[in-house]
C-alpha cells in the first residue's frame, strides 16, 4: 500500500497498529504534561528534571514512530 502524504500514513498506522497508536497517545500525554510544567511561572529543580525527562521520552516515542513509518515508505528508484 502506498501513501501520498505523511499524515495519510500516520492515520493508517494509528488505525492498524496498536503499538503505533500507543506511541501516539504517549506523545500527546507527554505534550500535555510538558505544557503544564512550562505554564508555571517558576520551575523548581524537580520540575526542571521532570520536564527534561518528559521531553526525552517524547522524543524517543517520536523516533520510534518515524522508524515505523520509514518501513512503509517506498524505496527510491535509482
C-alpha atoms as a PDB file:
ATOM      1  CA  UNK A   1       0.000   0.000   0.000  1.00  0.00           C
ATOM      2  CA  UNK A   2       1.356   3.421  -0.939  1.00  0.00           C
ATOM      3  CA  UNK A   3       0.575   6.650   0.893  1.00  0.00           C
ATOM      4  CA  UNK A   4       0.893  10.054  -0.714  1.00  0.00           C
ATOM      5  CA  UNK A   5       1.314  12.063   2.491  1.00  0.00           C
ATOM      6  CA  UNK A   6       2.856  11.556   5.886  1.00  0.00           C
ATOM      7  CA  UNK A   7      -0.500  12.291   7.527  1.00  0.00           C
ATOM      8  CA  UNK A   8      -2.177   9.512   5.497  1.00  0.00           C
ATOM      9  CA  UNK A   9       0.482   7.065   6.618  1.00  0.00           C
ATOM     10  CA  UNK A  10       0.133   8.160  10.265  1.00  0.00           C
ATOM     11  CA  UNK A  11      -3.651   7.771  10.077  1.00  0.00           C
ATOM     12  CA  UNK A  12      -3.270   4.289   8.579  1.00  0.00           C
ATOM     13  CA  UNK A  13      -0.778   3.184  11.234  1.00  0.00           C
ATOM     14  CA  UNK A  14      -2.889   4.590  14.066  1.00  0.00           C
ATOM     15  CA  UNK A  15      -5.826   2.522  12.771  1.00  0.00           C
ATOM     16  CA  UNK A  16      -3.882  -0.674  12.094  1.00  0.00           C
ATOM     17  CA  UNK A  17      -1.036  -0.795  14.625  1.00  0.00           C
ATOM     18  CA  UNK A  18      -1.805  -0.919  18.345  1.00  0.00           C
ATOM     19  CA  UNK A  19       1.829  -0.081  19.142  1.00  0.00           C
ATOM     20  CA  UNK A  20       1.854   2.974  16.837  1.00  0.00           C
ATOM     21  CA  UNK A  21      -1.455   4.101  18.341  1.00  0.00           C
ATOM     22  CA  UNK A  22       0.010   3.693  21.838  1.00  0.00           C
ATOM     23  CA  UNK A  23       3.046   5.781  20.897  1.00  0.00           C
ATOM     24  CA  UNK A  24       0.756   8.497  19.540  1.00  0.00           C
ATOM     25  CA  UNK A  25      -1.210   8.585  22.800  1.00  0.00           C
ATOM     26  CA  UNK A  26       2.018   8.676  24.820  1.00  0.00           C
ATOM     27  CA  UNK A  27       3.289  11.654  22.811  1.00  0.00           C
ATOM     28  CA  UNK A  28       0.061  13.577  23.392  1.00  0.00           C
ATOM     29  CA  UNK A  29       0.262  12.812  27.119  1.00  0.00           C
ATOM     30  CA  UNK A  30       3.873  13.994  27.266  1.00  0.00           C
ATOM     31  CA  UNK A  31       2.935  17.190  25.380  1.00  0.00           C
ATOM     32  CA  UNK A  32       0.199  17.997  27.894  1.00  0.00           C
ATOM     33  CA  UNK A  33       2.456  17.349  30.880  1.00  0.00           C
ATOM     34  CA  UNK A  34       5.266  19.442  29.378  1.00  0.00           C
ATOM     35  CA  UNK A  35       2.813  22.269  28.634  1.00  0.00           C
ATOM     36  CA  UNK A  36       1.595  22.167  32.246  1.00  0.00           C
ATOM     37  CA  UNK A  37       5.154  22.452  33.534  1.00  0.00           C
ATOM     38  CA  UNK A  38       6.057  25.216  31.083  1.00  0.00           C
ATOM     39  CA  UNK A  39       2.985  27.220  32.089  1.00  0.00           C
ATOM     40  CA  UNK A  40       4.307  27.584  35.645  1.00  0.00           C
ATOM     41  CA  UNK A  41       5.820  30.953  36.494  1.00  0.00           C
ATOM     42  CA  UNK A  42       8.799  29.332  38.225  1.00  0.00           C
ATOM     43  CA  UNK A  43      10.075  25.792  37.950  1.00  0.00           C
ATOM     44  CA  UNK A  44      11.692  24.021  40.844  1.00  0.00           C
ATOM     45  CA  UNK A  45      14.748  21.852  40.255  1.00  0.00           C
ATOM     46  CA  UNK A  46      12.472  18.815  40.379  1.00  0.00           C
ATOM     47  CA  UNK A  47      10.145  20.402  37.814  1.00  0.00           C
ATOM     48  CA  UNK A  48      13.072  21.077  35.500  1.00  0.00           C
ATOM     49  CA  UNK A  49      14.283  17.481  35.827  1.00  0.00           C
ATOM     50  CA  UNK A  50      10.777  16.196  35.126  1.00  0.00           C
ATOM     51  CA  UNK A  51      10.434  18.476  32.104  1.00  0.00           C
ATOM     52  CA  UNK A  52      13.747  17.187  30.729  1.00  0.00           C
ATOM     53  CA  UNK A  53      12.689  13.561  31.365  1.00  0.00           C
ATOM     54  CA  UNK A  54       9.343  14.064  29.621  1.00  0.00           C
ATOM     55  CA  UNK A  55      10.971  15.735  26.618  1.00  0.00           C
ATOM     56  CA  UNK A  56      13.370  12.794  26.272  1.00  0.00           C
ATOM     57  CA  UNK A  57      10.522  10.289  26.470  1.00  0.00           C
ATOM     58  CA  UNK A  58       8.524  12.257  23.906  1.00  0.00           C
ATOM     59  CA  UNK A  59      11.496  12.341  21.545  1.00  0.00           C
ATOM     60  CA  UNK A  60      12.089   8.599  21.946  1.00  0.00           C
ATOM     61  CA  UNK A  61       8.443   7.882  21.121  1.00  0.00           C
ATOM     62  CA  UNK A  62       8.583  10.178  18.077  1.00  0.00           C
ATOM     63  CA  UNK A  63      11.772   8.496  16.872  1.00  0.00           C
ATOM     64  CA  UNK A  64      10.146   5.086  17.174  1.00  0.00           C
ATOM     65  CA  UNK A  65       7.115   6.309  15.218  1.00  0.00           C
ATOM     66  CA  UNK A  66       9.406   7.674  12.490  1.00  0.00           C
ATOM     67  CA  UNK A  67      11.191   4.325  12.280  1.00  0.00           C
ATOM     68  CA  UNK A  68       7.879   2.525  11.904  1.00  0.00           C
ATOM     69  CA  UNK A  69       6.780   4.986   9.231  1.00  0.00           C
ATOM     70  CA  UNK A  70      10.061   4.591   7.349  1.00  0.00           C
ATOM     71  CA  UNK A  71       9.331   0.867   6.900  1.00  0.00           C
ATOM     72  CA  UNK A  72       6.225   1.818   4.907  1.00  0.00           C
ATOM     73  CA  UNK A  73       7.914   4.319   2.601  1.00  0.00           C
ATOM     74  CA  UNK A  74       8.767   3.026  -0.871  1.00  0.00           C
ATOM     75  CA  UNK A  75      12.461   2.713  -1.647  1.00  0.00           C
ATOM     76  CA  UNK A  76      13.729   5.405  -4.040  1.00  0.00           C
ATOM     77  CA  UNK A  77      14.452   4.116  -7.534  1.00  0.00           C
ATOM     78  CA  UNK A  78      17.966   4.889  -8.761  1.00  0.00           C
END
